[in-house]
Protein backbone atom coordinates (compact mmCIF):
# COMPACT_ATOMS: atom_id res chain seq x y z
CA MET A 1 112.35 104.11 129.84
CA VAL A 2 114.07 107.33 128.85
CA ALA A 3 115.57 109.89 131.19
CA ASN A 4 114.98 113.08 129.20
CA ALA A 5 113.77 114.61 125.95
CA VAL A 6 117.09 114.04 124.18
CA GLU A 7 116.98 110.30 124.88
CA MET A 8 113.35 110.20 123.78
CA ALA A 9 114.24 111.88 120.48
CA GLN A 10 117.06 109.40 119.94
CA GLN A 11 114.74 106.47 120.64
CA LEU A 12 112.15 107.81 118.22
CA ALA A 13 114.73 108.44 115.51
CA ASN A 14 116.41 105.07 115.83
CA GLY A 15 113.39 102.84 116.32
CA GLY A 16 111.65 103.40 113.00
CA ALA A 17 108.17 103.54 114.54
CA PHE A 18 107.97 107.33 114.34
CA ALA A 19 109.03 107.38 110.67
CA THR A 20 106.52 104.66 109.85
CA CYS A 21 103.77 106.56 111.63
CA VAL A 22 104.61 109.75 109.72
CA ALA A 23 104.69 107.79 106.44
CA ASN A 24 101.27 106.31 107.20
CA ASN A 25 99.72 109.68 108.04
CA MET A 26 101.26 111.44 105.06
CA LEU A 27 100.09 108.65 102.74
CA SER A 28 96.54 109.01 104.08
CA TYR A 29 96.78 112.76 103.53
CA ALA A 30 98.09 112.24 99.97
CA LEU A 31 95.18 109.91 99.24
CA ALA A 32 92.87 112.72 100.46
CA GLU A 33 90.84 110.37 102.59
CA VAL A 34 90.66 110.23 106.37
CA THR A 35 90.29 106.46 106.38
CA ALA A 36 92.09 105.45 103.22
CA GLY A 37 92.64 101.90 104.35
CA THR A 38 96.25 102.50 105.27
CA SER A 39 97.75 101.42 108.53
CA ILE A 40 101.20 101.23 110.06
CA SER A 41 101.36 97.54 109.20
CA ALA A 42 100.02 97.92 105.64
CA CYS A 43 102.36 96.95 102.83
CA SER A 44 102.01 100.39 101.27
CA THR A 45 103.14 102.13 104.45
CA GLN A 46 105.94 99.63 105.11
CA ASN A 47 107.28 99.96 101.54
CA ILE A 48 107.38 103.74 101.79
CA ALA A 49 108.98 103.70 105.25
CA LYS A 50 111.66 101.23 104.08
CA ALA A 51 112.44 103.31 101.00
CA VAL A 52 112.78 106.47 103.08
CA ALA A 53 114.99 104.68 105.62
CA ALA A 54 117.22 103.47 102.78
CA SER A 55 117.55 107.03 101.48
CA ASP A 56 118.65 110.14 103.34
CA GLY A 57 115.57 109.97 105.60
CA THR A 58 114.42 113.51 104.92
CA PHE A 59 110.90 114.83 104.56
CA VAL A 60 111.64 115.44 100.88
CA SER A 61 112.45 111.74 100.50
CA LEU A 62 109.20 110.83 102.24
CA ALA A 63 107.19 113.08 99.93
CA THR A 64 109.01 111.68 96.89
CA GLU A 65 108.44 108.05 97.90
CA ILE A 66 104.73 108.70 98.48
CA THR A 67 104.44 110.47 95.14
CA VAL A 68 106.02 107.60 93.21
CA SER A 69 104.32 104.85 95.25
CA GLN A 70 102.06 102.34 93.55
CA THR A 71 99.38 103.14 96.12
CA LEU A 72 99.11 106.76 95.05
CA GLY A 73 99.55 105.88 91.38
CA VAL A 74 96.51 103.60 91.25
CA ARG A 75 94.21 105.78 93.32
CA ALA A 76 90.89 106.55 91.67
CA PRO A 77 90.35 110.32 91.91
CA GLY A 78 87.44 111.15 94.16
CA GLY A 79 86.68 107.55 95.00
CA VAL A 80 87.33 105.07 97.72
CA GLN A 81 89.82 102.34 96.85
């Protein structure tokens, strides 16, 4: 339980769940499909989240990791994977 918004922000930042959720949603957006088969527990999402956590953790790092990910690289344009 958190006492205030500051503690909540610290919990979100330190726990990794928020970053993984953002990575999952941004990957789905990058794949241009609402249900692209990604999930928070998917290897593709976990690999991106780990790479971002190992870097500076910025949004730019997230976008870069998604762009160079194998998942995005093997996507068939206009088709479901």
